[in-house]
Amino acid sequence: MSGPEGLGQKLADWLSRPGAAVNPGDIYTRLMADDFAAAAAEFTKLMKIAAERAHDERRIGDPGAPPPALVIAIDQAEELLSPENAAESERLLSLFAGFVNELPPGVEPFALLTVRADSAAWLYQTISERELEVPKPLTLLPLPRTSYRDVIVKPIDVAARHGKRISIQAALTEQLGRGGDRR
């Protein structure tokens, strides 16, 4: 929940407006408050505001647009298992479970969590303990070595099309494309 990629920062980025910045540290402090009921109410309030803002933006192009789904994505969710993040992880999971089990009107959340196969059992157990809907798994097969190069250079191509100046030396691309082997 903390840090440059944490929920506090992501919500602050989404909720900030010109002349009205939202401090990620304030969000983190409110969500980690000792009073769990107050933290849960704050989480619900923030999620509702985020959903309302997304709906407002959607209605700019289509005044009759329905509210969009609220997607909460957590890549490498197995990091929620690490002992050094235990308090934050438990709080995040509890806040989300409480929110999903008592949804405010007009908010339709979805959670997208990516985990390695060896962490799937933990994910299912965690969801079961919180009485949430069982996820619909999408298993991704291992990436063939022949695709490693594309994984490296295609995002750079996309960034370049959007005006970003990123480059990578061909020798490094080839070495990474071989999985780091020094042949």
C-alpha atoms as a PDB file:
ATOM      1  CA  MET A   1       0.000   0.000   0.000  1.00  0.00           C
ATOM      2  CA  SER A   2       2.966   2.291   0.497  1.00  0.00           C
ATOM      3  CA  GLY A   3       5.838   3.132  -1.807  1.00  0.00           C
ATOM      4  CA  PRO A   4       5.999   4.546  -5.327  1.00  0.00           C
ATOM      5  CA  GLU A   5       3.852   1.739  -6.791  1.00  0.00           C
ATOM      6  CA  GLY A   6       1.566   1.329  -3.773  1.00  0.00           C
ATOM      7  CA  LEU A   7      -2.153   1.934  -3.470  1.00  0.00           C
ATOM      8  CA  GLY A   8      -1.659   5.281  -1.719  1.00  0.00           C
ATOM      9  CA  GLN A   9       0.409   6.617  -4.625  1.00  0.00           C
ATOM     10  CA  LYS A  10      -1.868   5.190  -7.322  1.00  0.00           C
ATOM     11  CA  LEU A  11      -4.988   6.621  -5.701  1.00  0.00           C
ATOM     12  CA  ALA A  12      -3.292   9.981  -5.168  1.00  0.00           C
ATOM     13  CA  ASP A  13      -2.322  10.076  -8.843  1.00  0.00           C
ATOM     14  CA  TRP A  14      -5.876   9.227  -9.932  1.00  0.00           C
ATOM     15  CA  LEU A  15      -7.659  11.553  -7.496  1.00  0.00           C
ATOM     16  CA  SER A  16      -5.378  14.593  -7.823  1.00  0.00           C
ATOM     17  CA  ARG A  17      -6.584  17.450  -9.972  1.00  0.00           C
ATOM     18  CA  PRO A  18      -4.852  20.655 -11.081  1.00  0.00           C
ATOM     19  CA  GLY A  19      -4.611  22.835  -7.995  1.00  0.00           C
ATOM     20  CA  ALA A  20      -5.900  20.056  -5.756  1.00  0.00           C
ATOM     21  CA  ALA A  21      -3.131  17.515  -5.219  1.00  0.00           C
ATOM     22  CA  VAL A  22      -3.827  14.486  -3.056  1.00  0.00           C
ATOM     23  CA  ASN A  23      -0.977  13.360  -0.805  1.00  0.00           C
ATOM     24  CA  PRO A  24      -0.280   9.591  -1.047  1.00  0.00           C
ATOM     25  CA  GLY A  25       1.058   9.597   2.524  1.00  0.00           C
ATOM     26  CA  ASP A  26      -2.276  10.921   3.789  1.00  0.00           C
ATOM     27  CA  ILE A  27      -4.122   8.134   1.983  1.00  0.00           C
ATOM     28  CA  TYR A  28      -1.749   5.524   3.395  1.00  0.00           C
ATOM     29  CA  THR A  29      -2.136   6.895   6.929  1.00  0.00           C
ATOM     30  CA  ARG A  30      -5.949   6.842   6.716  1.00  0.00           C
ATOM     31  CA  LEU A  31      -6.008   3.296   5.310  1.00  0.00           C
ATOM     32  CA  MET A  32      -3.603   1.990   7.964  1.00  0.00           C
ATOM     33  CA  ALA A  33      -5.415   3.693  10.877  1.00  0.00           C
ATOM     34  CA  ASP A  34      -5.726   1.687  14.091  1.00  0.00           C
ATOM     35  CA  ASP A  35      -9.521   2.012  13.839  1.00  0.00           C
ATOM     36  CA  PHE A  36     -10.269  -0.568  11.141  1.00  0.00           C
ATOM     37  CA  ALA A  37     -13.871   0.592  10.710  1.00  0.00           C
ATOM     38  CA  ALA A  38     -12.647   4.123   9.958  1.00  0.00           C
ATOM     39  CA  ALA A  39     -10.017   2.770   7.545  1.00  0.00           C
ATOM     40  CA  ALA A  40     -12.639   0.609   5.802  1.00  0.00           C
ATOM     41  CA  ALA A  41     -14.994   3.588   5.476  1.00  0.00           C
ATOM     42  CA  GLU A  42     -12.132   5.634   4.004  1.00  0.00           C
ATOM     43  CA  PHE A  43     -11.268   2.881   1.527  1.00  0.00           C
ATOM     44  CA  THR A  44     -14.899   2.659   0.411  1.00  0.00           C
ATOM     45  CA  LYS A  45     -15.054   6.451   0.089  1.00  0.00           C
ATOM     46  CA  LEU A  46     -11.878   6.536  -2.024  1.00  0.00           C
ATOM     47  CA  MET A  47     -13.066   3.692  -4.270  1.00  0.00           C
ATOM     48  CA  LYS A  48     -16.423   5.415  -4.747  1.00  0.00           C
ATOM     49  CA  ILE A  49     -14.736   8.714  -5.645  1.00  0.00           C
ATOM     50  CA  ALA A  50     -12.431   6.913  -8.091  1.00  0.00           C
ATOM     51  CA  ALA A  51     -15.428   5.197  -9.723  1.00  0.00           C
ATOM     52  CA  GLU A  52     -17.361   8.478  -9.919  1.00  0.00           C
ATOM     53  CA  ARG A  53     -14.419  10.271 -11.525  1.00  0.00           C
ATOM     54  CA  ALA A  54     -14.003   7.492 -14.081  1.00  0.00           C
ATOM     55  CA  HIS A  55     -17.713   7.720 -14.858  1.00  0.00           C
ATOM     56  CA  ASP A  56     -17.503  11.516 -15.215  1.00  0.00           C
ATOM     57  CA  GLU A  57     -14.628  11.137 -17.683  1.00  0.00           C
ATOM     58  CA  ARG A  58     -16.488   8.470 -19.630  1.00  0.00           C
ATOM     59  CA  ARG A  59     -19.553  10.746 -19.926  1.00  0.00           C
ATOM     60  CA  ILE A  60     -17.486  13.461 -21.596  1.00  0.00           C
ATOM     61  CA  GLY A  61     -17.576  11.475 -24.841  1.00  0.00           C
ATOM     62  CA  ASP A  62     -20.945   9.805 -24.198  1.00  0.00           C
ATOM     63  CA  PRO A  63     -23.351  11.567 -21.814  1.00  0.00           C
ATOM     64  CA  GLY A  64     -25.388   8.369 -21.401  1.00  0.00           C
ATOM     65  CA  ALA A  65     -22.411   6.094 -20.721  1.00  0.00           C
ATOM     66  CA  PRO A  66     -22.910   3.578 -17.930  1.00  0.00           C
ATOM     67  CA  PRO A  67     -20.455   3.576 -15.033  1.00  0.00           C
ATOM     68  CA  PRO A  68     -17.254   1.705 -15.886  1.00  0.00           C
ATOM     69  CA  ALA A  69     -16.052  -1.234 -13.861  1.00  0.00           C
ATOM     70  CA  LEU A  70     -13.475  -0.409 -11.227  1.00  0.00           C
ATOM     71  CA  VAL A  71     -10.439  -2.625 -11.873  1.00  0.00           C
ATOM     72  CA  ILE A  72      -7.857  -3.136  -9.156  1.00  0.00           C
ATOM     73  CA  ALA A  73      -4.811  -4.845 -10.618  1.00  0.00           C
ATOM     74  CA  ILE A  74      -2.000  -6.311  -8.532  1.00  0.00           C
ATOM     75  CA  ASP A  75       0.908  -7.752 -10.469  1.00  0.00           C
ATOM     76  CA  GLN A  76       3.115 -10.250  -8.642  1.00  0.00           C
ATOM     77  CA  ALA A  77       0.485 -10.592  -5.908  1.00  0.00           C
ATOM     78  CA  GLU A  78       2.550 -13.303  -4.255  1.00  0.00           C
ATOM     79  CA  GLU A  79       4.540 -10.396  -2.780  1.00  0.00           C
ATOM     80  CA  LEU A  80       1.565 -10.004  -0.439  1.00  0.00           C
ATOM     81  CA  LEU A  81       2.957 -13.139   1.231  1.00  0.00           C
ATOM     82  CA  SER A  82       6.288 -11.610   2.201  1.00  0.00           C
ATOM     83  CA  PRO A  83       6.775 -11.230   5.968  1.00  0.00           C
ATOM     84  CA  GLU A  84       8.134  -7.681   5.667  1.00  0.00           C
ATOM     85  CA  ASN A  85       4.830  -6.534   4.110  1.00  0.00           C
ATOM     86  CA  ALA A  86       2.532  -8.581   6.357  1.00  0.00           C
ATOM     87  CA  ALA A  87       0.720  -5.687   8.077  1.00  0.00           C
ATOM     88  CA  GLU A  88       0.111  -3.775   4.847  1.00  0.00           C
ATOM     89  CA  SER A  89      -0.834  -6.923   2.950  1.00  0.00           C
ATOM     90  CA  GLU A  90      -3.343  -8.071   5.541  1.00  0.00           C
ATOM     91  CA  ARG A  91      -4.837  -4.587   5.711  1.00  0.00           C
ATOM     92  CA  LEU A  92      -5.170  -4.331   1.930  1.00  0.00           C
ATOM     93  CA  LEU A  93      -6.806  -7.750   1.653  1.00  0.00           C
ATOM     94  CA  SER A  94      -9.176  -7.008   4.523  1.00  0.00           C
ATOM     95  CA  LEU A  95     -10.120  -3.585   3.148  1.00  0.00           C
ATOM     96  CA  PHE A  96     -10.801  -4.998  -0.293  1.00  0.00           C
ATOM     97  CA  ALA A  97     -12.818  -7.930   1.060  1.00  0.00           C
ATOM     98  CA  GLY A  98     -14.942  -5.610   3.208  1.00  0.00           C
ATOM     99  CA  PHE A  99     -15.486  -3.287   0.265  1.00  0.00           C
ATOM    100  CA  VAL A 100     -16.514  -6.089  -2.099  1.00  0.00           C
ATOM    101  CA  ASN A 101     -18.835  -7.654   0.472  1.00  0.00           C
ATOM    102  CA  GLU A 102     -20.652  -4.321   1.057  1.00  0.00           C
ATOM    103  CA  LEU A 103     -20.514  -2.496  -2.269  1.00  0.00           C
ATOM    104  CA  PRO A 104     -21.761   1.065  -2.522  1.00  0.00           C
ATOM    105  CA  PRO A 105     -24.387   1.610  -5.245  1.00  0.00           C
ATOM    106  CA  GLY A 106     -22.999   2.193  -8.737  1.00  0.00           C
ATOM    107  CA  VAL A 107     -19.603   0.589  -8.086  1.00  0.00           C
ATOM    108  CA  GLU A 108     -18.675  -2.670  -9.790  1.00  0.00           C
ATOM    109  CA  PRO A 109     -15.154  -3.732  -8.796  1.00  0.00           C
ATOM    110  CA  PHE A 110     -12.963  -6.407 -10.317  1.00  0.00           C
ATOM    111  CA  ALA A 111      -9.638  -7.564  -8.984  1.00  0.00           C
ATOM    112  CA  LEU A 112      -6.948  -8.801 -11.315  1.00  0.00           C
ATOM    113  CA  LEU A 113      -4.140 -10.513  -9.433  1.00  0.00           C
ATOM    114  CA  THR A 114      -1.228 -12.177 -11.135  1.00  0.00           C
ATOM    115  CA  VAL A 115       0.633 -14.897  -9.261  1.00  0.00           C
ATOM    116  CA  ARG A 116       3.093 -17.606 -10.121  1.00  0.00           C
ATOM    117  CA  ALA A 117       1.595 -21.084 -10.288  1.00  0.00           C
ATOM    118  CA  ASP A 118       3.268 -22.034  -6.996  1.00  0.00           C
ATOM    119  CA  SER A 119       1.319 -19.240  -5.236  1.00  0.00           C
ATOM    120  CA  ALA A 120      -2.114 -20.107  -6.626  1.00  0.00           C
ATOM    121  CA  ALA A 121      -3.086 -22.238  -3.616  1.00  0.00           C
ATOM    122  CA  TRP A 122      -2.365 -19.305  -1.293  1.00  0.00           C
ATOM    123  CA  LEU A 123      -4.522 -17.024  -3.451  1.00  0.00           C
ATOM    124  CA  TYR A 124      -7.468 -19.434  -3.382  1.00  0.00           C
ATOM    125  CA  GLN A 125      -7.123 -19.911   0.381  1.00  0.00           C
ATOM    126  CA  THR A 126      -6.994 -16.152   0.968  1.00  0.00           C
ATOM    127  CA  ILE A 127     -10.099 -15.600  -1.153  1.00  0.00           C
ATOM    128  CA  SER A 128     -11.948 -18.424   0.580  1.00  0.00           C
ATOM    129  CA  GLU A 129     -11.088 -17.089   4.046  1.00  0.00           C
ATOM    130  CA  ARG A 130     -12.592 -13.734   3.116  1.00  0.00           C
ATOM    131  CA  GLU A 131     -15.733 -15.301   1.624  1.00  0.00           C
ATOM    132  CA  LEU A 132     -15.150 -13.705  -1.779  1.00  0.00           C
ATOM    133  CA  GLU A 133     -16.159 -15.045  -5.173  1.00  0.00           C
ATOM    134  CA  VAL A 134     -13.812 -17.751  -6.413  1.00  0.00           C
ATOM    135  CA  PRO A 135     -11.641 -16.310  -9.179  1.00  0.00           C
ATOM    136  CA  LYS A 136     -11.726 -17.398 -12.750  1.00  0.00           C
ATOM    137  CA  PRO A 137      -8.142 -18.451 -13.449  1.00  0.00           C
ATOM    138  CA  LEU A 138      -6.385 -17.689 -16.677  1.00  0.00           C
ATOM    139  CA  THR A 139      -3.274 -19.803 -16.844  1.00  0.00           C
ATOM    140  CA  LEU A 140      -0.478 -18.469 -19.002  1.00  0.00           C
ATOM    141  CA  LEU A 141       1.970 -20.980 -20.373  1.00  0.00           C
ATOM    142  CA  PRO A 142       5.696 -20.346 -20.088  1.00  0.00           C
ATOM    143  CA  LEU A 143       7.034 -17.955 -22.691  1.00  0.00           C
ATOM    144  CA  PRO A 144       9.058 -19.728 -25.370  1.00  0.00           C
ATOM    145  CA  ARG A 145      12.681 -18.588 -25.592  1.00  0.00           C
ATOM    146  CA  THR A 146      12.062 -17.541 -29.187  1.00  0.00           C
ATOM    147  CA  SER A 147       9.793 -14.761 -27.852  1.00  0.00           C
ATOM    148  CA  TYR A 148      12.250 -13.261 -25.343  1.00  0.00           C
ATOM    149  CA  ARG A 149      13.570 -10.731 -27.845  1.00  0.00           C
ATOM    150  CA  ASP A 150      10.061  -9.424 -28.614  1.00  0.00           C
ATOM    151  CA  VAL A 151       9.340  -9.014 -24.900  1.00  0.00           C
ATOM    152  CA  ILE A 152      12.364  -6.720 -24.736  1.00  0.00           C
ATOM    153  CA  VAL A 153      12.047  -4.661 -27.907  1.00  0.00           C
ATOM    154  CA  LYS A 154       8.275  -4.386 -28.511  1.00  0.00           C
ATOM    155  CA  PRO A 155       7.594  -2.222 -25.421  1.00  0.00           C
ATOM    156  CA  ILE A 156      10.477   0.035 -26.501  1.00  0.00           C
ATOM    157  CA  ASP A 157       8.844   0.358 -29.931  1.00  0.00           C
ATOM    158  CA  VAL A 158       5.525   1.311 -28.327  1.00  0.00           C
ATOM    159  CA  ALA A 159       7.221   3.888 -26.097  1.00  0.00           C
ATOM    160  CA  ALA A 160       9.027   5.351 -29.112  1.00  0.00           C
ATOM    161  CA  ARG A 161       5.718   5.763 -30.965  1.00  0.00           C
ATOM    162  CA  HIS A 162       4.512   7.786 -27.973  1.00  0.00           C
ATOM    163  CA  GLY A 163       7.502  10.121 -28.073  1.00  0.00           C
ATOM    164  CA  LYS A 164       9.671   8.435 -25.446  1.00  0.00           C
ATOM    165  CA  ARG A 165      13.365   8.207 -26.182  1.00  0.00           C
ATOM    166  CA  ILE A 166      14.479   4.757 -25.118  1.00  0.00           C
ATOM    167  CA  SER A 167      17.145   2.651 -26.696  1.00  0.00           C
ATOM    168  CA  ILE A 168      18.875  -0.613 -25.964  1.00  0.00           C
ATOM    169  CA  GLN A 169      22.094  -1.931 -27.438  1.00  0.00           C
ATOM    170  CA  ALA A 170      21.666  -4.858 -29.833  1.00  0.00           C
ATOM    171  CA  ALA A 171      24.251  -6.927 -27.933  1.00  0.00           C
ATOM    172  CA  LEU A 172      22.299  -6.530 -24.694  1.00  0.00           C
ATOM    173  CA  THR A 173      19.049  -7.414 -26.460  1.00  0.00           C
ATOM    174  CA  GLU A 174      20.631 -10.570 -27.837  1.00  0.00           C
ATOM    175  CA  GLN A 175      22.088 -11.553 -24.460  1.00  0.00           C
ATOM    176  CA  LEU A 176      18.775 -10.959 -22.686  1.00  0.00           C
ATOM    177  CA  GLY A 177      16.953 -12.774 -25.484  1.00  0.00           C
ATOM    178  CA  ARG A 178      19.040 -15.852 -24.745  1.00  0.00           C
ATOM    179  CA  GLY A 179      17.908 -15.684 -21.124  1.00  0.00           C
ATOM    180  CA  GLY A 180      21.140 -14.110 -19.963  1.00  0.00           C
ATOM    181  CA  ASP A 181      23.330 -17.010 -21.132  1.00  0.00           C
ATOM    182  CA  ARG A 182      26.917 -15.940 -21.889  1.00  0.00           C
ATOM    183  CA  ARG A 183      27.543 -18.141 -24.874  1.00  0.00           C
END
